[in-house]
Amino acid sequence: MDGQNRCDPRSAPPEVSAVGGGAHRNADVGQHRACLAWPHFNSGENIMPDAQPPAPGTVSLVLTLIGPVISAGVGVVMRHAQRAATGKPFSLRRLSFELPSVLGLGIMGGALGDWLGAAETVRWGLAATLGYLGPQVVEVVFYRWIARQDLS
C-alpha cells in the first residue's frame, strides 16, 4: 500500500468493504476499521473535524417554518395567477424575484400565528394570505399599526 491512501474505502480489503464482514485474515483490516471516519488523509494533518449536529431548537424552528413558507409561496403564486387571469402578462422572472418575499412573508405568517397562539393550519393560512397580499400591503399595514401604537 505504498503511496496509496490507506483510508480510501476502495483500497480496503474485501473483508472490510463487504457487508457483514467475514473472516479477517488481512493485517490491514484494523487499519481500515480505524479509517471509517474517511474522508481524511493518512498524514494526520488534514483530519476533518466531526460535524456538530444542529441545536435542537434550530431544527424544530426550521421544521415549524416549512409549512408557512410553502403557504406563502402558494399565496404568491395565487397572486400572480390572479394577475394573469385579468390579462396582465405572467413572467417567471418576476415570480423568481418574489422568492425573498416568500421566505420573509412565510416567517412573518408563522410568527404572527405563533404570537396569536393559533393552530398550525391557521399559521399556514396567515402566511398564504400575507403571500397573496404581497410585501407592499404588509408594509402599509405594519406602518399603520406602528403609527397607532405611537398614539397610544
Protein backbone atom coordinates (compact mmCIF):
# COMPACT_ATOMS: atom_id res chain seq x y z
CA MET A 1 0.00 0.00 0.00
CA ASP A 2 2.93 2.36 -0.53
CA GLY A 3 1.91 5.81 -1.78
CA GLN A 4 -1.76 4.94 -1.52
CA ASN A 5 -4.28 6.46 0.85
CA ARG A 6 -4.80 3.65 3.33
CA CYS A 7 -8.15 5.09 4.40
CA ASP A 8 -9.62 5.10 0.92
CA PRO A 9 -12.56 2.68 1.07
CA ARG A 10 -11.70 1.48 -2.44
CA SER A 11 -8.38 0.19 -1.11
CA ALA A 12 -9.99 -1.70 1.76
CA PRO A 13 -9.72 -5.47 1.76
CA PRO A 14 -12.93 -7.32 0.86
CA GLU A 15 -13.49 -8.32 4.48
CA VAL A 16 -13.97 -4.66 5.44
CA SER A 17 -15.86 -3.35 2.46
CA ALA A 18 -18.21 -6.32 2.16
CA VAL A 19 -21.48 -6.13 4.05
CA GLY A 20 -21.42 -8.40 7.07
CA GLY A 21 -17.65 -8.56 7.47
CA GLY A 22 -16.36 -12.08 7.02
CA ALA A 23 -13.14 -13.75 8.10
CA HIS A 24 -10.47 -11.16 8.99
CA ARG A 25 -7.32 -12.66 7.51
CA ASN A 26 -5.66 -9.42 6.47
CA ALA A 27 -3.49 -7.44 8.91
CA ASP A 28 -4.71 -4.18 7.37
CA VAL A 29 -8.29 -4.79 8.47
CA GLY A 30 -7.71 -2.99 11.77
CA GLN A 31 -6.21 -0.02 9.93
CA HIS A 32 -9.24 0.21 7.67
CA ARG A 33 -11.65 -0.05 10.56
CA ALA A 34 -9.89 2.90 12.14
CA CYS A 35 -10.43 4.81 8.92
CA LEU A 36 -14.20 4.54 8.87
CA ALA A 37 -14.34 8.28 9.52
CA TRP A 38 -12.98 8.79 5.99
CA PRO A 39 -12.58 11.22 4.13
CA HIS A 40 -9.34 12.37 5.65
CA PHE A 41 -5.78 11.87 4.64
CA ASN A 42 -3.38 9.39 6.15
CA SER A 43 -0.88 12.12 7.09
CA GLY A 44 -2.93 13.14 10.10
CA GLU A 45 -2.61 16.85 9.43
CA ASN A 46 -5.75 17.18 7.33
CA ILE A 47 -8.19 15.29 9.55
CA MET A 48 -11.69 16.70 9.16
CA PRO A 49 -13.39 17.70 12.42
CA ASP A 50 -16.51 15.88 13.49
CA ALA A 51 -19.65 17.58 12.25
CA GLN A 52 -21.63 19.19 15.04
CA PRO A 53 -25.34 18.43 14.95
CA PRO A 54 -27.58 21.49 14.84
CA ALA A 55 -29.08 22.67 18.10
CA PRO A 56 -32.47 21.05 18.78
CA GLY A 57 -34.16 24.45 18.86
CA THR A 58 -32.86 25.29 15.40
CA VAL A 59 -34.18 22.07 13.88
CA SER A 60 -37.61 22.48 15.43
CA LEU A 61 -37.73 26.14 14.33
CA VAL A 62 -36.91 25.22 10.74
CA LEU A 63 -39.46 22.39 10.75
CA THR A 64 -42.07 24.76 12.19
CA LEU A 65 -41.47 27.33 9.44
CA ILE A 66 -41.53 24.96 6.46
CA GLY A 67 -45.34 24.94 6.28
CA PRO A 68 -45.80 28.72 6.48
CA VAL A 69 -43.04 29.36 3.91
CA ILE A 70 -44.63 26.91 1.46
CA SER A 71 -48.02 28.51 2.15
CA ALA A 72 -46.61 31.99 1.47
CA GLY A 73 -45.26 30.63 -1.81
CA VAL A 74 -48.73 29.36 -2.68
CA GLY A 75 -50.13 32.81 -1.87
CA VAL A 76 -47.60 34.50 -4.18
CA VAL A 77 -48.45 32.05 -6.99
CA MET A 78 -52.15 32.75 -6.42
CA ARG A 79 -51.49 36.50 -6.73
CA HIS A 80 -49.59 36.01 -9.99
CA ALA A 81 -52.30 33.68 -11.32
CA GLN A 82 -54.92 36.32 -10.50
CA ARG A 83 -52.88 38.92 -12.38
CA ALA A 84 -52.61 36.59 -15.38
CA ALA A 85 -56.35 35.91 -15.27
CA THR A 86 -57.03 39.65 -15.57
CA GLY A 87 -54.91 39.82 -18.72
CA LYS A 88 -51.63 41.08 -17.25
CA PRO A 89 -48.50 39.31 -18.51
CA PHE A 90 -47.12 36.40 -16.49
CA SER A 91 -43.36 36.24 -16.06
CA LEU A 92 -41.28 33.56 -14.36
CA ARG A 93 -38.57 36.17 -13.92
CA ARG A 94 -40.93 38.39 -11.95
CA LEU A 95 -42.06 35.40 -9.94
CA SER A 96 -38.44 34.47 -9.17
CA PHE A 97 -37.85 37.94 -7.73
CA GLU A 98 -40.54 37.13 -5.17
CA LEU A 99 -38.52 34.30 -3.55
CA PRO A 100 -37.09 36.51 -0.77
CA SER A 101 -40.60 37.80 -0.14
CA VAL A 102 -41.86 34.23 0.13
CA LEU A 103 -39.31 33.47 2.84
CA GLY A 104 -39.98 36.69 4.72
CA LEU A 105 -43.76 36.52 4.48
CA GLY A 106 -43.71 32.84 5.49
CA ILE A 107 -41.66 33.65 8.56
CA MET A 108 -43.96 36.60 9.36
CA GLY A 109 -47.09 34.49 8.96
CA GLY A 110 -45.71 31.70 11.12
CA ALA A 111 -44.51 34.14 13.79
CA LEU A 112 -47.79 36.06 13.79
CA GLY A 113 -49.75 32.83 14.18
CA ASP A 114 -47.44 31.75 16.99
CA TRP A 115 -47.83 35.14 18.69
CA LEU A 116 -51.61 34.80 18.44
CA GLY A 117 -51.44 31.24 19.80
CA ALA A 118 -53.10 29.90 16.66
CA ALA A 119 -53.06 26.32 15.42
CA GLU A 120 -50.55 25.28 12.78
CA THR A 121 -53.08 25.32 9.93
CA VAL A 122 -54.08 28.87 10.90
CA ARG A 123 -50.41 29.88 10.71
CA TRP A 124 -50.28 28.42 7.22
CA GLY A 125 -53.41 30.36 6.27
CA LEU A 126 -51.92 33.59 7.62
CA ALA A 127 -48.73 33.00 5.63
CA ALA A 128 -50.71 32.26 2.45
CA THR A 129 -52.76 35.42 3.00
CA LEU A 130 -49.63 37.51 3.52
CA GLY A 131 -48.11 35.95 0.40
CA TYR A 132 -51.23 36.79 -1.60
CA LEU A 133 -51.35 40.38 -0.32
CA GLY A 134 -47.66 40.91 -1.01
CA PRO A 135 -44.93 42.83 0.77
CA GLN A 136 -46.28 46.26 -0.21
CA VAL A 137 -49.62 45.71 1.52
CA VAL A 138 -47.93 44.15 4.55
CA GLU A 139 -45.63 47.17 4.78
CA VAL A 140 -48.55 49.64 4.72
CA VAL A 141 -50.46 47.67 7.36
CA PHE A 142 -47.34 47.43 9.53
CA TYR A 143 -46.65 51.19 9.37
CA ARG A 144 -50.29 51.97 10.20
CA TRP A 145 -50.11 49.61 13.17
CA ILE A 146 -46.88 51.28 14.36
CA ALA A 147 -48.48 54.75 14.00
CA ARG A 148 -51.46 53.61 16.03
CA GLN A 149 -49.14 52.26 18.74
CA ASP A 150 -47.30 55.61 18.91
CA LEU A 151 -50.58 57.44 19.56
CA SER A 152 -51.44 55.20 22.50
